[in-house]
């Protein structure tokens, strides 16, 4: 299920997501968006709506210590708080002493991060990333669409994923670090 697409452009982070909720062969188009703001963070999730609900409504972002590098903060303080939130909400899993969560994208201070299920934090070298079952389609599209605006690239990558993956559908939601959400299904500016 899902396609979340993120990219950075000239210090602005864009994150977009679809509205599919998939279970087996069933599809529920969700009214609760997979992309949102939590404090200074933009987030877009896949894996589980429960995980996304916890990140959106129960996650308390830790204070960023003065002088700490942003990446160090994300790998340590931020991830420790995410793990605690998911554990307290009954979402984190532990098997053979290995704790796992889910995948999501985060925009913070002009940088895009991809968080994996094992809580590793990646900085995409190309300035864009995707996750979910539509990831490969979206990455191909966003790579090929270098001549349009960043918001349009995210939108068109979501459209490509929806055209080729049965687990991705609109309406799409896109947020950026410079503005608020457009309405569901709104064509990007």
N, C-alpha and C. Protein backbone atom coordinates (compact mmCIF):
# COMPACT_ATOMS: atom_id res chain seq x y z
N UNK A 1 0.84 -1.18 0.00
CA UNK A 1 0.00 0.00 0.00
C UNK A 1 0.88 1.23 0.00
N UNK A 2 0.43 2.25 -0.65
CA UNK A 2 0.98 3.59 -0.46
C UNK A 2 2.08 3.98 -1.42
N UNK A 3 2.15 5.27 -1.63
CA UNK A 3 3.32 5.90 -2.21
C UNK A 3 3.49 7.25 -1.54
N UNK A 4 4.64 7.42 -0.92
CA UNK A 4 5.04 8.69 -0.33
C UNK A 4 6.25 9.16 -1.12
N UNK A 5 6.24 10.41 -1.55
CA UNK A 5 7.33 10.96 -2.35
C UNK A 5 7.79 12.25 -1.68
N UNK A 6 9.11 12.41 -1.58
CA UNK A 6 9.65 13.63 -1.02
C UNK A 6 10.82 14.13 -1.83
N UNK A 7 11.01 15.44 -1.80
CA UNK A 7 12.18 16.01 -2.45
C UNK A 7 12.50 17.37 -1.84
N UNK A 8 13.73 17.78 -2.03
CA UNK A 8 14.16 19.11 -1.61
C UNK A 8 14.50 19.92 -2.85
N UNK A 9 14.22 21.21 -2.77
CA UNK A 9 14.56 22.11 -3.87
C UNK A 9 14.77 23.50 -3.29
N UNK A 10 15.98 24.01 -3.43
CA UNK A 10 16.34 25.35 -2.97
C UNK A 10 15.92 25.60 -1.52
N UNK A 11 16.21 24.64 -0.65
CA UNK A 11 15.94 24.78 0.77
C UNK A 11 14.52 24.48 1.21
N UNK A 12 13.66 24.11 0.28
CA UNK A 12 12.28 23.76 0.60
C UNK A 12 12.11 22.25 0.47
N UNK A 13 11.43 21.65 1.43
CA UNK A 13 11.13 20.22 1.38
C UNK A 13 9.67 20.05 0.98
N UNK A 14 9.42 19.13 0.06
CA UNK A 14 8.07 18.78 -0.39
C UNK A 14 7.86 17.30 -0.07
N UNK A 15 6.70 16.98 0.52
CA UNK A 15 6.34 15.58 0.74
C UNK A 15 4.90 15.40 0.30
N UNK A 16 4.68 14.38 -0.54
CA UNK A 16 3.35 14.08 -1.03
C UNK A 16 3.00 12.64 -0.79
N UNK A 17 1.70 12.37 -0.67
CA UNK A 17 1.25 11.00 -0.45
C UNK A 17 -0.10 10.76 -1.09
N UNK A 18 -0.38 9.50 -1.28
CA UNK A 18 -1.66 9.10 -1.85
C UNK A 18 -2.67 8.87 -0.73
N UNK A 19 -3.82 8.28 -1.07
CA UNK A 19 -4.89 8.07 -0.08
C UNK A 19 -5.33 6.62 0.05
N UNK A 20 -4.58 5.69 -0.52
CA UNK A 20 -4.99 4.28 -0.51
C UNK A 20 -4.76 3.63 0.85
N UNK A 21 -5.75 2.92 1.31
CA UNK A 21 -5.63 2.01 2.44
C UNK A 21 -5.93 0.63 1.89
N UNK A 22 -4.94 -0.24 1.85
CA UNK A 22 -5.09 -1.53 1.19
C UNK A 22 -4.94 -2.66 2.18
N UNK A 23 -5.84 -3.63 2.11
CA UNK A 23 -5.76 -4.85 2.91
C UNK A 23 -6.16 -6.01 2.03
N UNK A 24 -5.23 -6.90 1.72
CA UNK A 24 -5.53 -7.99 0.79
C UNK A 24 -5.88 -7.41 -0.57
N UNK A 25 -7.05 -7.75 -1.08
CA UNK A 25 -7.51 -7.20 -2.35
C UNK A 25 -8.46 -6.03 -2.16
N UNK A 26 -8.67 -5.62 -0.90
CA UNK A 26 -9.59 -4.52 -0.62
C UNK A 26 -8.90 -3.17 -0.63
N UNK A 27 -9.63 -2.14 -1.04
CA UNK A 27 -9.12 -0.78 -1.08
C UNK A 27 -10.10 0.13 -0.35
N UNK A 28 -9.58 0.92 0.56
CA UNK A 28 -10.36 1.98 1.20
C UNK A 28 -9.64 3.28 0.92
N UNK A 29 -10.31 4.21 0.24
CA UNK A 29 -9.72 5.53 0.03
C UNK A 29 -9.90 6.28 1.33
N UNK A 30 -8.79 6.68 1.92
CA UNK A 30 -8.80 7.28 3.26
C UNK A 30 -8.94 8.80 3.18
N UNK A 31 -9.67 9.36 4.12
CA UNK A 31 -9.82 10.80 4.24
C UNK A 31 -8.77 11.41 5.15
N UNK A 32 -8.07 10.59 5.91
CA UNK A 32 -7.01 11.07 6.80
C UNK A 32 -5.68 10.97 6.05
N UNK A 33 -5.07 12.13 5.77
CA UNK A 33 -3.87 12.14 4.92
C UNK A 33 -2.67 11.45 5.54
N UNK A 34 -1.83 10.93 4.66
CA UNK A 34 -0.59 10.26 5.07
C UNK A 34 0.57 11.24 5.18
N UNK A 35 0.33 12.51 4.90
CA UNK A 35 1.36 13.54 5.03
C UNK A 35 0.85 14.62 5.97
N UNK A 36 1.72 15.11 6.84
CA UNK A 36 1.30 16.06 7.87
C UNK A 36 2.51 16.75 8.47
N UNK A 37 2.23 17.74 9.29
CA UNK A 37 3.26 18.45 10.06
C UNK A 37 3.14 18.02 11.52
N UNK A 38 4.29 17.85 12.15
CA UNK A 38 4.38 17.63 13.59
C UNK A 38 5.49 18.54 14.08
N UNK A 39 5.12 19.64 14.73
CA UNK A 39 6.12 20.62 15.13
C UNK A 39 6.87 21.11 13.91
N UNK A 40 8.21 21.12 13.95
CA UNK A 40 8.99 21.61 12.81
C UNK A 40 9.20 20.55 11.72
N UNK A 41 8.55 19.40 11.83
CA UNK A 41 8.77 18.29 10.91
C UNK A 41 7.62 18.14 9.93
N UNK A 42 7.96 17.82 8.67
CA UNK A 42 7.00 17.33 7.69
C UNK A 42 7.18 15.82 7.70
N UNK A 43 6.08 15.09 7.67
CA UNK A 43 6.18 13.63 7.66
C UNK A 43 5.20 13.03 6.66
N UNK A 44 5.60 11.91 6.08
CA UNK A 44 4.74 11.12 5.22
C UNK A 44 5.06 9.65 5.48
N UNK A 45 4.03 8.86 5.73
CA UNK A 45 4.27 7.48 6.17
C UNK A 45 3.68 6.43 5.25
N UNK A 46 4.25 5.25 5.34
CA UNK A 46 3.72 4.03 4.76
C UNK A 46 3.75 2.99 5.88
N UNK A 47 3.54 1.76 5.57
CA UNK A 47 3.58 0.63 6.50
C UNK A 47 2.27 0.46 7.25
N UNK A 48 1.85 1.45 8.05
CA UNK A 48 0.66 1.29 8.88
C UNK A 48 0.02 2.64 9.20
N UNK A 49 -1.30 2.71 9.07
CA UNK A 49 -1.99 3.94 9.47
C UNK A 49 -1.84 4.16 10.97
N UNK A 50 -1.76 3.09 11.75
CA UNK A 50 -1.57 3.25 13.19
C UNK A 50 -0.24 3.95 13.47
N UNK A 51 0.81 3.54 12.79
CA UNK A 51 2.09 4.20 12.98
C UNK A 51 1.97 5.68 12.64
N UNK A 52 1.33 5.99 11.52
CA UNK A 52 1.15 7.38 11.12
C UNK A 52 0.34 8.18 12.13
N UNK A 53 -0.69 7.57 12.69
CA UNK A 53 -1.50 8.26 13.71
C UNK A 53 -0.67 8.57 14.94
N UNK A 54 0.18 7.63 15.34
CA UNK A 54 1.04 7.88 16.50
C UNK A 54 2.04 8.99 16.21
N UNK A 55 2.65 8.97 15.03
CA UNK A 55 3.61 10.02 14.68
C UNK A 55 2.93 11.39 14.61
N UNK A 56 1.70 11.41 14.15
CA UNK A 56 0.99 12.68 13.99
C UNK A 56 0.45 13.23 15.31
N UNK A 57 -0.12 12.36 16.15
CA UNK A 57 -0.84 12.84 17.32
C UNK A 57 -0.20 12.54 18.67
N UNK A 58 0.72 11.57 18.72
CA UNK A 58 1.32 11.22 20.02
C UNK A 58 2.81 11.53 20.10
N UNK A 59 3.44 11.76 18.98
CA UNK A 59 4.88 12.01 18.96
C UNK A 59 5.19 13.42 19.46
N UNK A 60 6.07 13.49 20.44
CA UNK A 60 6.55 14.77 20.96
C UNK A 60 7.99 14.94 20.52
N UNK A 61 8.22 15.76 19.50
CA UNK A 61 9.59 15.93 19.02
C UNK A 61 10.51 16.45 20.13
N UNK A 62 11.66 15.82 20.29
CA UNK A 62 12.59 16.28 21.31
C UNK A 62 13.24 17.60 20.92
N UNK A 63 13.65 18.34 21.89
CA UNK A 63 14.36 19.58 21.63
C UNK A 63 15.68 19.28 20.94
N UNK A 64 16.04 20.14 20.01
CA UNK A 64 17.29 19.98 19.27
C UNK A 64 18.38 20.69 20.07
N UNK A 65 19.32 19.93 20.67
CA UNK A 65 20.37 20.57 21.47
C UNK A 65 21.19 21.57 20.65
N UNK A 66 21.46 22.69 21.24
CA UNK A 66 22.24 23.73 20.58
C UNK A 66 23.61 23.17 20.21
N UNK A 67 24.02 23.45 18.98
CA UNK A 67 25.33 23.01 18.52
C UNK A 67 25.35 21.61 17.94
N UNK A 68 24.27 20.84 18.10
CA UNK A 68 24.25 19.47 17.56
C UNK A 68 23.93 19.51 16.07
N UNK A 69 24.70 18.81 15.29
CA UNK A 69 24.48 18.65 13.86
C UNK A 69 23.09 18.06 13.62
N UNK A 70 22.40 18.51 12.55
CA UNK A 70 21.04 18.03 12.26
C UNK A 70 20.98 16.52 12.06
N UNK A 71 21.94 15.97 11.33
CA UNK A 71 21.93 14.53 11.08
C UNK A 71 22.14 13.75 12.38
N UNK A 72 23.05 14.20 13.21
CA UNK A 72 23.27 13.56 14.51
C UNK A 72 22.00 13.60 15.34
N UNK A 73 21.33 14.73 15.33
CA UNK A 73 20.06 14.87 16.06
C UNK A 73 19.03 13.86 15.55
N UNK A 74 18.91 13.73 14.23
CA UNK A 74 17.93 12.81 13.66
C UNK A 74 18.24 11.37 14.03
N UNK A 75 19.51 11.00 13.98
CA UNK A 75 19.92 9.62 14.25
C UNK A 75 19.80 9.27 15.73
N UNK A 76 19.94 10.24 16.60
CA UNK A 76 19.94 9.97 18.05
C UNK A 76 18.64 10.46 18.70
N UNK A 77 18.54 11.70 19.02
CA UNK A 77 17.39 12.23 19.77
C UNK A 77 16.06 11.97 19.08
N UNK A 78 15.98 12.27 17.79
CA UNK A 78 14.74 12.10 17.06
C UNK A 78 14.31 10.64 17.03
N UNK A 79 15.22 9.75 16.62
CA UNK A 79 14.87 8.33 16.53
C UNK A 79 14.56 7.74 17.90
N UNK A 80 15.27 8.14 18.94
CA UNK A 80 14.95 7.65 20.28
C UNK A 80 13.52 8.02 20.66
N UNK A 81 13.09 9.24 20.32
CA UNK A 81 11.73 9.68 20.63
C UNK A 81 10.70 8.94 19.78
N UNK A 82 11.02 8.68 18.51
CA UNK A 82 10.12 7.91 17.64
C UNK A 82 9.94 6.50 18.20
N UNK A 83 11.05 5.86 18.57
CA UNK A 83 10.97 4.50 19.13
C UNK A 83 10.12 4.47 20.39
N UNK A 84 10.31 5.44 21.26
CA UNK A 84 9.53 5.50 22.50
C UNK A 84 8.04 5.70 22.20
N UNK A 85 7.74 6.56 21.25
CA UNK A 85 6.35 6.82 20.87
C UNK A 85 5.68 5.57 20.31
N UNK A 86 6.35 4.90 19.38
CA UNK A 86 5.76 3.70 18.78
C UNK A 86 5.61 2.57 19.79
N UNK A 87 6.59 2.46 20.68
CA UNK A 87 6.50 1.44 21.72
C UNK A 87 5.34 1.72 22.67
N UNK A 88 5.22 2.97 23.12
CA UNK A 88 4.13 3.34 24.05
C UNK A 88 2.76 3.17 23.40
N UNK A 89 2.70 3.37 22.08
CA UNK A 89 1.43 3.23 21.37
C UNK A 89 1.12 1.81 20.94
N UNK A 90 1.98 0.85 21.31
CA UNK A 90 1.73 -0.54 20.99
C UNK A 90 2.03 -0.92 19.56
N UNK A 91 2.81 -0.10 18.87
CA UNK A 91 3.08 -0.40 17.47
C UNK A 91 4.42 -1.08 17.22
N UNK A 92 5.47 -0.67 17.89
CA UNK A 92 6.80 -1.24 17.64
C UNK A 92 6.79 -2.74 17.91
N UNK A 93 7.51 -3.48 17.09
CA UNK A 93 7.62 -4.93 17.26
C UNK A 93 9.03 -5.30 17.66
N UNK A 94 9.15 -6.38 18.41
CA UNK A 94 10.47 -6.88 18.81
C UNK A 94 10.50 -8.38 18.58
N UNK A 95 11.50 -8.82 17.82
CA UNK A 95 11.66 -10.24 17.53
C UNK A 95 13.15 -10.56 17.63
N UNK A 96 13.49 -11.51 18.50
CA UNK A 96 14.89 -11.90 18.71
C UNK A 96 15.75 -10.69 19.04
N UNK A 97 15.25 -9.85 19.92
CA UNK A 97 15.94 -8.65 20.41
C UNK A 97 16.15 -7.57 19.35
N UNK A 98 15.47 -7.70 18.20
CA UNK A 98 15.54 -6.67 17.16
C UNK A 98 14.21 -5.94 17.13
N UNK A 99 14.26 -4.64 17.35
CA UNK A 99 13.05 -3.82 17.35
C UNK A 99 12.85 -3.21 15.98
N UNK A 100 11.61 -3.24 15.49
CA UNK A 100 11.31 -2.65 14.18
C UNK A 100 10.09 -1.74 14.28
N UNK A 101 10.06 -0.77 13.39
CA UNK A 101 8.94 0.15 13.27
C UNK A 101 8.41 0.09 11.85
N UNK A 102 8.40 1.21 11.17
CA UNK A 102 7.94 1.26 9.79
C UNK A 102 8.70 2.31 9.02
N UNK A 103 8.34 2.48 7.76
CA UNK A 103 9.03 3.44 6.90
C UNK A 103 8.26 4.75 6.80
N UNK A 104 9.03 5.85 6.78
CA UNK A 104 8.41 7.16 6.57
C UNK A 104 9.47 8.16 6.14
N UNK A 105 9.01 9.23 5.53
CA UNK A 105 9.88 10.33 5.12
C UNK A 105 9.70 11.48 6.09
N UNK A 106 10.78 12.22 6.31
CA UNK A 106 10.75 13.37 7.21
C UNK A 106 11.47 14.54 6.53
N UNK A 107 10.86 15.70 6.60
CA UNK A 107 11.51 16.92 6.18
C UNK A 107 11.82 17.74 7.42
N UNK A 108 13.07 18.17 7.54
CA UNK A 108 13.48 18.93 8.72
C UNK A 108 14.62 19.87 8.35
N UNK A 109 14.41 21.14 8.63
CA UNK A 109 15.42 22.18 8.38
C UNK A 109 15.99 22.13 6.96
N UNK A 110 15.10 21.98 5.98
CA UNK A 110 15.51 22.01 4.59
C UNK A 110 16.11 20.73 4.06
N UNK A 111 16.09 19.66 4.85
CA UNK A 111 16.67 18.37 4.45
C UNK A 111 15.60 17.30 4.46
N UNK A 112 15.68 16.37 3.51
CA UNK A 112 14.78 15.22 3.45
C UNK A 112 15.51 14.01 4.03
N UNK A 113 14.80 13.25 4.86
CA UNK A 113 15.33 12.03 5.46
C UNK A 113 14.37 10.88 5.18
N UNK A 114 14.91 9.70 4.99
CA UNK A 114 14.10 8.49 4.87
C UNK A 114 14.41 7.61 6.06
N UNK A 115 13.37 7.26 6.81
CA UNK A 115 13.51 6.40 7.98
C UNK A 115 13.04 5.00 7.58
N UNK A 116 13.89 4.03 7.83
CA UNK A 116 13.58 2.64 7.49
C UNK A 116 13.02 1.90 8.70
N UNK A 117 12.51 0.71 8.47
CA UNK A 117 11.89 -0.09 9.52
C UNK A 117 12.82 -0.45 10.66
N UNK A 118 14.13 -0.46 10.41
CA UNK A 118 15.09 -0.75 11.48
C UNK A 118 15.60 0.52 12.14
N UNK A 119 14.94 1.64 11.85
CA UNK A 119 15.22 2.96 12.42
C UNK A 119 16.49 3.61 11.89
N UNK A 120 17.05 3.09 10.81
CA UNK A 120 18.18 3.79 10.21
C UNK A 120 17.66 5.06 9.55
N UNK A 121 18.50 6.06 9.48
CA UNK A 121 18.15 7.36 8.91
C UNK A 121 19.02 7.60 7.69
N UNK A 122 18.38 7.79 6.53
CA UNK A 122 19.12 8.02 5.28
C UNK A 122 18.89 9.45 4.80
N UNK A 123 19.94 10.02 4.24
CA UNK A 123 19.83 11.30 3.53
C UNK A 123 19.98 10.96 2.06
N UNK A 124 18.91 11.11 1.26
CA UNK A 124 19.02 10.77 -0.16
C UNK A 124 19.95 11.73 -0.89
N UNK A 125 20.99 11.20 -1.51
CA UNK A 125 22.01 12.01 -2.18
C UNK A 125 21.43 12.79 -3.36
N UNK A 126 20.38 12.29 -3.99
CA UNK A 126 19.81 12.97 -5.14
C UNK A 126 18.78 14.02 -4.75
N UNK A 127 18.49 14.14 -3.46
CA UNK A 127 17.53 15.14 -3.02
C UNK A 127 16.09 14.71 -3.13
N UNK A 128 15.85 13.44 -3.44
CA UNK A 128 14.49 12.92 -3.46
C UNK A 128 14.48 11.47 -3.01
N UNK A 129 13.31 11.04 -2.53
CA UNK A 129 13.15 9.67 -2.05
C UNK A 129 11.67 9.30 -2.14
N UNK A 130 11.39 8.03 -2.00
CA UNK A 130 10.01 7.55 -1.98
C UNK A 130 9.97 6.29 -1.13
N UNK A 131 8.77 5.94 -0.68
CA UNK A 131 8.58 4.68 0.02
C UNK A 131 7.17 4.18 -0.23
N UNK A 132 6.96 2.91 0.02
CA UNK A 132 5.68 2.27 -0.23
C UNK A 132 5.73 1.43 -1.49
N UNK A 133 4.60 0.79 -1.81
CA UNK A 133 4.58 -0.14 -2.95
C UNK A 133 4.75 0.58 -4.28
N UNK A 134 4.51 1.89 -4.34
CA UNK A 134 4.69 2.65 -5.57
C UNK A 134 6.05 3.31 -5.68
N UNK A 135 6.95 2.98 -4.76
CA UNK A 135 8.27 3.62 -4.68
C UNK A 135 9.04 3.62 -6.00
N UNK A 136 9.19 2.46 -6.62
CA UNK A 136 10.01 2.38 -7.83
C UNK A 136 9.44 3.21 -8.97
N UNK A 137 8.12 3.19 -9.14
CA UNK A 137 7.49 3.99 -10.20
C UNK A 137 7.70 5.48 -9.94
N UNK A 138 7.53 5.87 -8.70
CA UNK A 138 7.69 7.28 -8.34
C UNK A 138 9.12 7.75 -8.51
N UNK A 139 10.08 6.93 -8.11
CA UNK A 139 11.48 7.31 -8.26
C UNK A 139 11.87 7.48 -9.73
N UNK A 140 11.39 6.58 -10.58
CA UNK A 140 11.67 6.71 -12.01
C UNK A 140 11.07 7.98 -12.58
N UNK A 141 9.84 8.27 -12.19
CA UNK A 141 9.17 9.47 -12.69
C UNK A 141 9.85 10.74 -12.19
N UNK A 142 10.13 10.81 -10.91
CA UNK A 142 10.71 12.04 -10.37
C UNK A 142 12.10 12.28 -10.94
N UNK A 143 12.82 11.22 -11.24
CA UNK A 143 14.14 11.36 -11.87
C UNK A 143 14.02 11.92 -13.28
N UNK A 144 13.03 11.44 -14.02
CA UNK A 144 12.88 11.84 -15.42
C UNK A 144 12.26 13.22 -15.58
N UNK A 145 11.65 13.75 -14.55
CA UNK A 145 10.91 15.02 -14.65
C UNK A 145 11.70 16.22 -14.16
N UNK A 146 12.94 16.31 -14.50
CA UNK A 146 13.77 17.39 -13.99
C UNK A 146 13.43 18.78 -14.47
N UNK A 147 12.57 18.92 -15.49
CA UNK A 147 12.31 20.24 -16.06
C UNK A 147 11.06 20.93 -15.52
N UNK A 148 10.36 20.33 -14.58
CA UNK A 148 9.16 20.96 -14.02
C UNK A 148 9.43 21.35 -12.57
N UNK A 149 8.51 22.09 -11.96
CA UNK A 149 8.71 22.54 -10.59
C UNK A 149 8.76 21.35 -9.63
N UNK A 150 9.31 21.57 -8.46
CA UNK A 150 9.43 20.50 -7.46
C UNK A 150 8.06 19.96 -7.08
N UNK A 151 7.10 20.84 -6.84
CA UNK A 151 5.75 20.39 -6.46
C UNK A 151 5.14 19.55 -7.59
N UNK A 152 5.32 19.97 -8.84
CA UNK A 152 4.80 19.20 -9.97
C UNK A 152 5.50 17.85 -10.08
N UNK A 153 6.79 17.81 -9.82
CA UNK A 153 7.52 16.53 -9.88
C UNK A 153 6.97 15.55 -8.86
N UNK A 154 6.70 16.02 -7.64
CA UNK A 154 6.13 15.15 -6.60
C UNK A 154 4.75 14.67 -7.04
N UNK A 155 3.93 15.59 -7.54
CA UNK A 155 2.57 15.25 -7.98
C UNK A 155 2.61 14.22 -9.11
N UNK A 156 3.44 14.46 -10.11
CA UNK A 156 3.51 13.57 -11.26
C UNK A 156 4.12 12.22 -10.89
N UNK A 157 5.01 12.19 -9.93
CA UNK A 157 5.55 10.91 -9.44
C UNK A 157 4.45 10.10 -8.77
N UNK A 158 3.58 10.77 -8.01
CA UNK A 158 2.44 10.07 -7.40
C UNK A 158 1.49 9.57 -8.48
N UNK A 159 1.25 10.37 -9.50
CA UNK A 159 0.39 9.92 -10.61
C UNK A 159 0.97 8.70 -11.32
N UNK A 160 2.29 8.69 -11.53
CA UNK A 160 2.94 7.53 -12.17
C UNK A 160 2.78 6.28 -11.31
N UNK A 161 2.97 6.44 -10.01
CA UNK A 161 2.81 5.29 -9.11
C UNK A 161 1.38 4.77 -9.13
N UNK A 162 0.41 5.69 -9.13
CA UNK A 162 -1.01 5.28 -9.15
C UNK A 162 -1.36 4.58 -10.47
N UNK A 163 -0.74 5.00 -11.57
CA UNK A 163 -1.01 4.40 -12.86
C UNK A 163 -0.47 2.97 -12.96
N UNK A 164 0.55 2.66 -12.16
CA UNK A 164 1.21 1.36 -12.32
C UNK A 164 1.14 0.46 -11.10
N UNK A 165 0.61 0.92 -10.00
CA UNK A 165 0.52 0.09 -8.79
C UNK A 165 -0.92 0.07 -8.29
N UNK A 166 -1.43 -1.12 -8.04
CA UNK A 166 -2.81 -1.23 -7.55
C UNK A 166 -2.95 -0.78 -6.10
N UNK A 167 -1.83 -0.54 -5.43
CA UNK A 167 -1.88 -0.11 -4.03
C UNK A 167 -1.75 1.39 -3.84
N UNK A 168 -1.87 2.15 -4.93
CA UNK A 168 -1.71 3.61 -4.86
C UNK A 168 -2.89 4.26 -5.57
N UNK A 169 -3.51 5.25 -4.93
CA UNK A 169 -4.59 6.00 -5.58
C UNK A 169 -4.73 7.38 -4.97
N UNK A 170 -5.34 8.27 -5.73
CA UNK A 170 -5.64 9.61 -5.24
C UNK A 170 -6.86 9.58 -4.35
N UNK A 171 -7.20 10.70 -3.80
CA UNK A 171 -6.56 11.99 -4.05
C UNK A 171 -5.18 12.07 -3.40
N UNK A 172 -4.35 12.95 -3.96
CA UNK A 172 -3.01 13.15 -3.45
C UNK A 172 -2.97 14.40 -2.57
N UNK A 173 -2.09 14.36 -1.60
CA UNK A 173 -1.86 15.50 -0.71
C UNK A 173 -0.38 15.84 -0.77
N UNK A 174 -0.07 17.11 -0.91
CA UNK A 174 1.32 17.56 -0.93
C UNK A 174 1.47 18.70 0.06
N UNK A 175 2.49 18.61 0.90
CA UNK A 175 2.81 19.70 1.80
C UNK A 175 4.25 20.11 1.55
N UNK A 176 4.57 21.33 1.93
CA UNK A 176 5.95 21.78 1.82
C UNK A 176 6.31 22.56 3.06
N UNK A 177 7.59 22.75 3.24
CA UNK A 177 8.06 23.50 4.40
C UNK A 177 7.76 24.99 4.24
N UNK A 178 7.33 25.42 3.07
CA UNK A 178 7.02 26.83 2.83
C UNK A 178 5.53 27.17 2.83
N UNK A 179 4.65 26.17 2.84
CA UNK A 179 3.22 26.47 2.77
C UNK A 179 2.39 25.42 3.50
N UNK A 180 1.09 25.61 3.46
CA UNK A 180 0.17 24.66 4.07
C UNK A 180 -0.28 23.65 3.02
N UNK A 181 -1.11 22.69 3.47
CA UNK A 181 -1.64 21.68 2.58
C UNK A 181 -2.51 22.33 1.50
N UNK A 182 -2.46 21.85 0.28
CA UNK A 182 -3.55 22.15 -0.65
C UNK A 182 -4.71 21.22 -0.31
N UNK A 183 -5.86 21.48 -0.82
CA UNK A 183 -6.98 20.58 -0.62
C UNK A 183 -6.72 19.27 -1.36
N UNK A 184 -7.34 18.20 -0.90
CA UNK A 184 -7.18 16.90 -1.54
C UNK A 184 -7.56 17.01 -3.00
N UNK A 185 -6.73 16.46 -3.85
CA UNK A 185 -7.03 16.44 -5.27
C UNK A 185 -6.72 17.73 -6.00
N UNK A 186 -6.26 18.75 -5.31
CA UNK A 186 -5.95 20.02 -5.96
C UNK A 186 -4.70 19.88 -6.83
N UNK A 187 -4.76 20.44 -8.01
CA UNK A 187 -3.60 20.43 -8.89
C UNK A 187 -2.54 21.35 -8.30
N UNK A 188 -1.31 20.91 -8.30
CA UNK A 188 -0.26 21.72 -7.67
C UNK A 188 -0.03 23.04 -8.39
N UNK A 189 0.38 24.05 -7.64
CA UNK A 189 0.70 25.36 -8.23
C UNK A 189 2.10 25.37 -8.77
